[in-house]
Amino acid sequence: MSDDLSKKPLDSTRVNVNESWELDYWSKKIGVTKERLKEAVKAVGTSAAAVQKYLGK
């Protein structure tokens, strides 16, 4: 997938790191590496707000 963020998750309140395109989407949207995003989800769960707060975004 390119940098095209037009393909958006159906549930924008949850971060899904199990789908490669969603992992791409969220890592680019939040501005972190895929590995860091996975660590954040593992630490605080899939809530987009909690992930962003954990990452200081």
PDB file of N, CA and C in Angstrom:
ATOM      1  N   MET A   1       0.843  -1.184   0.000  1.00  0.00           N
ATOM      2  CA  MET A   1       0.000   0.000   0.000  1.00  0.00           C
ATOM      3  C   MET A   1       0.883   1.239   0.000  1.00  0.00           C
ATOM      4  N   SER A   2       0.487   2.247  -0.741  1.00  0.00           N
ATOM      5  CA  SER A   2       1.237   3.495  -0.786  1.00  0.00           C
ATOM      6  C   SER A   2       0.882   4.362   0.411  1.00  0.00           C
ATOM      7  N   ASP A   3       1.238   5.628   0.337  1.00  0.00           N
ATOM      8  CA  ASP A   3       0.919   6.556   1.422  1.00  0.00           C
ATOM      9  C   ASP A   3      -0.522   7.039   1.362  1.00  0.00           C
ATOM     10  N   ASP A   4      -1.335   6.451   0.510  1.00  0.00           N
ATOM     11  CA  ASP A   4      -2.728   6.836   0.364  1.00  0.00           C
ATOM     12  C   ASP A   4      -3.509   6.394   1.595  1.00  0.00           C
ATOM     13  N   LEU A   5      -3.979   7.367   2.376  1.00  0.00           N
ATOM     14  CA  LEU A   5      -4.736   7.043   3.587  1.00  0.00           C
ATOM     15  C   LEU A   5      -6.239   7.089   3.342  1.00  0.00           C
ATOM     16  N   SER A   6      -6.665   7.007   2.076  1.00  0.00           N
ATOM     17  CA  SER A   6      -8.088   7.075   1.777  1.00  0.00           C
ATOM     18  C   SER A   6      -8.826   5.819   2.240  1.00  0.00           C
ATOM     19  N   LYS A   7      -8.123   4.720   2.375  1.00  0.00           N
ATOM     20  CA  LYS A   7      -8.734   3.501   2.890  1.00  0.00           C
ATOM     21  C   LYS A   7      -8.636   3.569   4.398  1.00  0.00           C
ATOM     22  N   LYS A   8      -9.788   3.786   5.044  1.00  0.00           N
ATOM     23  CA  LYS A   8      -9.802   3.989   6.487  1.00  0.00           C
ATOM     24  C   LYS A   8     -10.545   2.850   7.175  1.00  0.00           C
ATOM     25  N   PRO A   9     -10.165   2.564   8.412  1.00  0.00           N
ATOM     26  CA  PRO A   9     -10.850   1.510   9.164  1.00  0.00           C
ATOM     27  C   PRO A   9     -12.331   1.834   9.359  1.00  0.00           C
ATOM     28  N   LEU A  10     -13.156   0.819   9.401  1.00  0.00           N
ATOM     29  CA  LEU A  10     -14.577   1.028   9.658  1.00  0.00           C
ATOM     30  C   LEU A  10     -14.797   1.567  11.060  1.00  0.00           C
ATOM     31  N   ASP A  11     -14.009   1.112  12.010  1.00  0.00           N
ATOM     32  CA  ASP A  11     -14.108   1.579  13.392  1.00  0.00           C
ATOM     33  C   ASP A  11     -12.864   2.401  13.703  1.00  0.00           C
ATOM     34  N   SER A  12     -12.997   3.714  13.611  1.00  0.00           N
ATOM     35  CA  SER A  12     -11.839   4.592  13.808  1.00  0.00           C
ATOM     36  C   SER A  12     -11.472   4.767  15.272  1.00  0.00           C
ATOM     37  N   THR A  13     -12.206   4.099  16.179  1.00  0.00           N
ATOM     38  CA  THR A  13     -11.871   4.193  17.598  1.00  0.00           C
ATOM     39  C   THR A  13     -10.992   3.033  18.053  1.00  0.00           C
ATOM     40  N   ARG A  14     -10.756   2.065  17.167  1.00  0.00           N
ATOM     41  CA  ARG A  14      -9.982   0.873  17.503  1.00  0.00           C
ATOM     42  C   ARG A  14      -8.804   0.702  16.553  1.00  0.00           C
ATOM     43  N   VAL A  15      -7.653   0.395  17.110  1.00  0.00           N
ATOM     44  CA  VAL A  15      -6.454   0.147  16.315  1.00  0.00           C
ATOM     45  C   VAL A  15      -6.321  -1.359  16.115  1.00  0.00           C
ATOM     46  N   ASN A  16      -6.370  -1.790  14.864  1.00  0.00           N
ATOM     47  CA  ASN A  16      -6.239  -3.205  14.541  1.00  0.00           C
ATOM     48  C   ASN A  16      -4.861  -3.419  13.930  1.00  0.00           C
ATOM     49  N   VAL A  17      -3.982  -4.083  14.642  1.00  0.00           N
ATOM     50  CA  VAL A  17      -2.631  -4.343  14.127  1.00  0.00           C
ATOM     51  C   VAL A  17      -2.536  -5.714  13.469  1.00  0.00           C
ATOM     52  N   ASN A  18      -3.658  -6.408  13.357  1.00  0.00           N
ATOM     53  CA  ASN A  18      -3.656  -7.743  12.756  1.00  0.00           C
ATOM     54  C   ASN A  18      -3.911  -7.720  11.254  1.00  0.00           C
ATOM     55  N   GLU A  19      -4.349  -6.596  10.724  1.00  0.00           N
ATOM     56  CA  GLU A  19      -4.525  -6.419   9.286  1.00  0.00           C
ATOM     57  C   GLU A  19      -3.393  -5.526   8.797  1.00  0.00           C
ATOM     58  N   SER A  20      -2.657  -5.974   7.797  1.00  0.00           N
ATOM     59  CA  SER A  20      -1.480  -5.222   7.364  1.00  0.00           C
ATOM     60  C   SER A  20      -1.821  -3.815   6.895  1.00  0.00           C
ATOM     61  N   TRP A  21      -2.929  -3.648   6.172  1.00  0.00           N
ATOM     62  CA  TRP A  21      -3.272  -2.310   5.691  1.00  0.00           C
ATOM     63  C   TRP A  21      -3.668  -1.402   6.838  1.00  0.00           C
ATOM     64  N   GLU A  22      -4.311  -1.936   7.893  1.00  0.00           N
ATOM     65  CA  GLU A  22      -4.655  -1.110   9.049  1.00  0.00           C
ATOM     66  C   GLU A  22      -3.407  -0.764   9.851  1.00  0.00           C
ATOM     67  N   LEU A  23      -2.478  -1.698   9.944  1.00  0.00           N
ATOM     68  CA  LEU A  23      -1.210  -1.421  10.609  1.00  0.00           C
ATOM     69  C   LEU A  23      -0.492  -0.287   9.880  1.00  0.00           C
ATOM     70  N   ASP A  24      -0.477  -0.338   8.557  1.00  0.00           N
ATOM     71  CA  ASP A  24       0.107   0.748   7.754  1.00  0.00           C
ATOM     72  C   ASP A  24      -0.617   2.062   8.027  1.00  0.00           C
ATOM     73  N   TYR A  25      -1.944   2.016   7.979  1.00  0.00           N
ATOM     74  CA  TYR A  25      -2.759   3.214   8.176  1.00  0.00           C
ATOM     75  C   TYR A  25      -2.467   3.865   9.525  1.00  0.00           C
ATOM     76  N   TRP A  26      -2.563   3.080  10.589  1.00  0.00           N
ATOM     77  CA  TRP A  26      -2.405   3.644  11.932  1.00  0.00           C
ATOM     78  C   TRP A  26      -0.979   4.104  12.210  1.00  0.00           C
ATOM     79  N   SER A  27       0.008   3.372  11.741  1.00  0.00           N
ATOM     80  CA  SER A  27       1.386   3.795  11.993  1.00  0.00           C
ATOM     81  C   SER A  27       1.673   5.125  11.299  1.00  0.00           C
ATOM     82  N   LYS A  28       1.152   5.314  10.087  1.00  0.00           N
ATOM     83  CA  LYS A  28       1.339   6.584   9.377  1.00  0.00           C
ATOM     84  C   LYS A  28       0.505   7.691   9.995  1.00  0.00           C
ATOM     85  N   LYS A  29      -0.722   7.379  10.378  1.00  0.00           N
ATOM     86  CA  LYS A  29      -1.604   8.389  10.966  1.00  0.00           C
ATOM     87  C   LYS A  29      -1.038   8.913  12.282  1.00  0.00           C
ATOM     88  N   ILE A  30      -0.535   8.012  13.119  1.00  0.00           N
ATOM     89  CA  ILE A  30      -0.024   8.410  14.431  1.00  0.00           C
ATOM     90  C   ILE A  30       1.426   8.874  14.333  1.00  0.00           C
ATOM     91  N   GLY A  31       2.142   8.400  13.329  1.00  0.00           N
ATOM     92  CA  GLY A  31       3.519   8.831  13.132  1.00  0.00           C
ATOM     93  C   GLY A  31       4.534   8.040  13.936  1.00  0.00           C
ATOM     94  N   VAL A  32       4.303   6.723  14.008  1.00  0.00           N
ATOM     95  CA  VAL A  32       5.233   5.841  14.711  1.00  0.00           C
ATOM     96  C   VAL A  32       5.516   4.623  13.839  1.00  0.00           C
ATOM     97  N   THR A  33       6.541   3.877  14.206  1.00  0.00           N
ATOM     98  CA  THR A  33       6.841   2.656  13.473  1.00  0.00           C
ATOM     99  C   THR A  33       5.776   1.597  13.767  1.00  0.00           C
ATOM    100  N   LYS A  34       5.694   0.634  12.891  1.00  0.00           N
ATOM    101  CA  LYS A  34       4.742  -0.459  13.091  1.00  0.00           C
ATOM    102  C   LYS A  34       5.056  -1.223  14.362  1.00  0.00           C
ATOM    103  N   GLU A  35       6.340  -1.407  14.634  1.00  0.00           N
ATOM    104  CA  GLU A  35       6.750  -2.133  15.836  1.00  0.00           C
ATOM    105  C   GLU A  35       6.315  -1.377  17.099  1.00  0.00           C
ATOM    106  N   ARG A  36       6.514  -0.049  17.084  1.00  0.00           N
ATOM    107  CA  ARG A  36       6.136   0.771  18.242  1.00  0.00           C
ATOM    108  C   ARG A  36       4.624   0.753  18.435  1.00  0.00           C
ATOM    109  N   LEU A  37       3.885   0.769  17.336  1.00  0.00           N
ATOM    110  CA  LEU A  37       2.427   0.714  17.405  1.00  0.00           C
ATOM    111  C   LEU A  37       1.970  -0.607  18.013  1.00  0.00           C
ATOM    112  N   LYS A  38       2.591  -1.700  17.586  1.00  0.00           N
ATOM    113  CA  LYS A  38       2.242  -3.012  18.153  1.00  0.00           C
ATOM    114  C   LYS A  38       2.537  -3.059  19.647  1.00  0.00           C
ATOM    115  N   GLU A  39       3.657  -2.480  20.065  1.00  0.00           N
ATOM    116  CA  GLU A  39       4.004  -2.434  21.487  1.00  0.00           C
ATOM    117  C   GLU A  39       2.951  -1.651  22.266  1.00  0.00           C
ATOM    118  N   ALA A  40       2.506  -0.538  21.714  1.00  0.00           N
ATOM    119  CA  ALA A  40       1.507   0.291  22.379  1.00  0.00           C
ATOM    120  C   ALA A  40       0.188  -0.451  22.530  1.00  0.00           C
ATOM    121  N   VAL A  41      -0.242  -1.128  21.473  1.00  0.00           N
ATOM    122  CA  VAL A  41      -1.492  -1.895  21.533  1.00  0.00           C
ATOM    123  C   VAL A  41      -1.371  -3.015  22.561  1.00  0.00           C
ATOM    124  N   LYS A  42      -0.227  -3.648  22.616  1.00  0.00           N
ATOM    125  CA  LYS A  42      -0.009  -4.716  23.602  1.00  0.00           C
ATOM    126  C   LYS A  42      -0.075  -4.160  25.020  1.00  0.00           C
ATOM    127  N   ALA A  43       0.425  -2.929  25.208  1.00  0.00           N
ATOM    128  CA  ALA A  43       0.465  -2.324  26.538  1.00  0.00           C
ATOM    129  C   ALA A  43      -0.884  -1.787  27.000  1.00  0.00           C
ATOM    130  N   VAL A  44      -1.643  -1.146  26.095  1.00  0.00           N
ATOM    131  CA  VAL A  44      -2.863  -0.457  26.535  1.00  0.00           C
ATOM    132  C   VAL A  44      -4.139  -0.924  25.858  1.00  0.00           C
ATOM    133  N   GLY A  45      -4.041  -1.849  24.926  1.00  0.00           N
ATOM    134  CA  GLY A  45      -5.238  -2.324  24.246  1.00  0.00           C
ATOM    135  C   GLY A  45      -5.454  -1.611  22.923  1.00  0.00           C
ATOM    136  N   THR A  46      -6.621  -1.816  22.323  1.00  0.00           N
ATOM    137  CA  THR A  46      -6.874  -1.352  20.964  1.00  0.00           C
ATOM    138  C   THR A  46      -7.552   0.013  20.864  1.00  0.00           C
ATOM    139  N   SER A  47      -7.872   0.628  21.965  1.00  0.00           N
ATOM    140  CA  SER A  47      -8.493   1.953  21.912  1.00  0.00           C
ATOM    141  C   SER A  47      -7.533   2.951  21.266  1.00  0.00           C
ATOM    142  N   ALA A  48      -7.982   3.598  20.193  1.00  0.00           N
ATOM    143  CA  ALA A  48      -7.138   4.563  19.489  1.00  0.00           C
ATOM    144  C   ALA A  48      -6.720   5.693  20.421  1.00  0.00           C
ATOM    145  N   ALA A  49      -7.632   6.159  21.259  1.00  0.00           N
ATOM    146  CA  ALA A  49      -7.313   7.244  22.195  1.00  0.00           C
ATOM    147  C   ALA A  49      -6.256   6.803  23.200  1.00  0.00           C
ATOM    148  N   ALA A  50      -6.388   5.592  23.729  1.00  0.00           N
ATOM    149  CA  ALA A  50      -5.421   5.085  24.703  1.00  0.00           C
ATOM    150  C   ALA A  50      -4.059   4.880  24.059  1.00  0.00           C
ATOM    151  N   VAL A  51      -4.039   4.392  22.835  1.00  0.00           N
ATOM    152  CA  VAL A  51      -2.782   4.174  22.122  1.00  0.00           C
ATOM    153  C   VAL A  51      -2.081   5.521  21.889  1.00  0.00           C
ATOM    154  N   GLN A  52      -2.825   6.503  21.422  1.00  0.00           N
ATOM    155  CA  GLN A  52      -2.254   7.817  21.166  1.00  0.00           C
ATOM    156  C   GLN A  52      -1.746   8.462  22.452  1.00  0.00           C
ATOM    157  N   LYS A  53      -2.501   8.312  23.531  1.00  0.00           N
ATOM    158  CA  LYS A  53      -2.066   8.865  24.818  1.00  0.00           C
ATOM    159  C   LYS A  53      -0.782   8.175  25.276  1.00  0.00           C
ATOM    160  N   TYR A  54      -0.742   6.870  25.164  1.00  0.00           N
ATOM    161  CA  TYR A  54       0.438   6.088  25.560  1.00  0.00           C
ATOM    162  C   TYR A  54       1.674   6.524  24.771  1.00  0.00           C
ATOM    163  N   LEU A  55       1.470   6.828  23.501  1.00  0.00           N
ATOM    164  CA  LEU A  55       2.570   7.226  22.630  1.00  0.00           C
ATOM    165  C   LEU A  55       2.879   8.725  22.717  1.00  0.00           C
ATOM    166  N   GLY A  56       2.104   9.438  23.508  1.00  0.00           N
ATOM    167  CA  GLY A  56       2.337  10.869  23.672  1.00  0.00           C
ATOM    168  C   GLY A  56       1.911  11.688  22.469  1.00  0.00           C
ATOM    169  N   LYS A  57       0.910  11.229  21.774  1.00  0.00           N
ATOM    170  CA  LYS A  57       0.434  11.921  20.572  1.00  0.00           C
ATOM    171  C   LYS A  57      -0.877  12.631  20.835  1.00  0.00           C
TER     172      LYS A  57
END
